Amino acid sequence: MKPLRRLIVPIMVALLCVGCGSALQRRLTVGELTAFRRYGWTGMDLTLRVENRSRRALRLSDACLTLYYAGGELGRIELRGEAFVAPRGDSEVPMRWRIDLSDPAAGYLIEKKMRAGETALFAVVFSGRVCSGSRCRDISLPMMPLSDFLAIFGVSLADMQNRLYE
């Protein structure tokens, strides 16, 4: 499950930032993973260190990332509850995620294809709600290659693969 954890962490970082305006994105720095606990193939808790230099708190809710391979859905990763980032400071942001794989072999497929560098056929769809202060915004991104999704946040597939197998 360690490779799956290293795949999910950069994606979760991206989800925290996806709804922020560009000014807020420059003020939000996601640091290291400080805690991780897996619940089989059904869920996980992870805690990220986040520095928010903005005067506004940030809240992510109703987040769902659907992962596809060659057009077929592998599964979904859904945020349970909400993730809060405190304003003006460095804080730990705990998040509970539910993993819903369409087939038990999907986890094996993900790991096998990532190890082999066969990532061109991976795609994602994202939806969620991000609130900054009293302003909330529903976010949805259409199906796009995983590489394009990661590029939004300045992460390349090579960076992600390096994290997978450190």
Foldseek 3Di string as FASTA:
>chain_A
DLLVVLLVVLVVVLQQQVPDDPVQSVQKDKDDWDDKDDDPQWKIKTKIKMAGAAQWKKKKAAKKKWKDFQRHTQWIKTWDDMWIGHHHGIDITMTMITTGTPDPCSVVVVVVCLVVVVQQRMWMKIWIWMDIHNDIDTDTDPIDRPQVSSVVVPAGSVNSSVSSPD
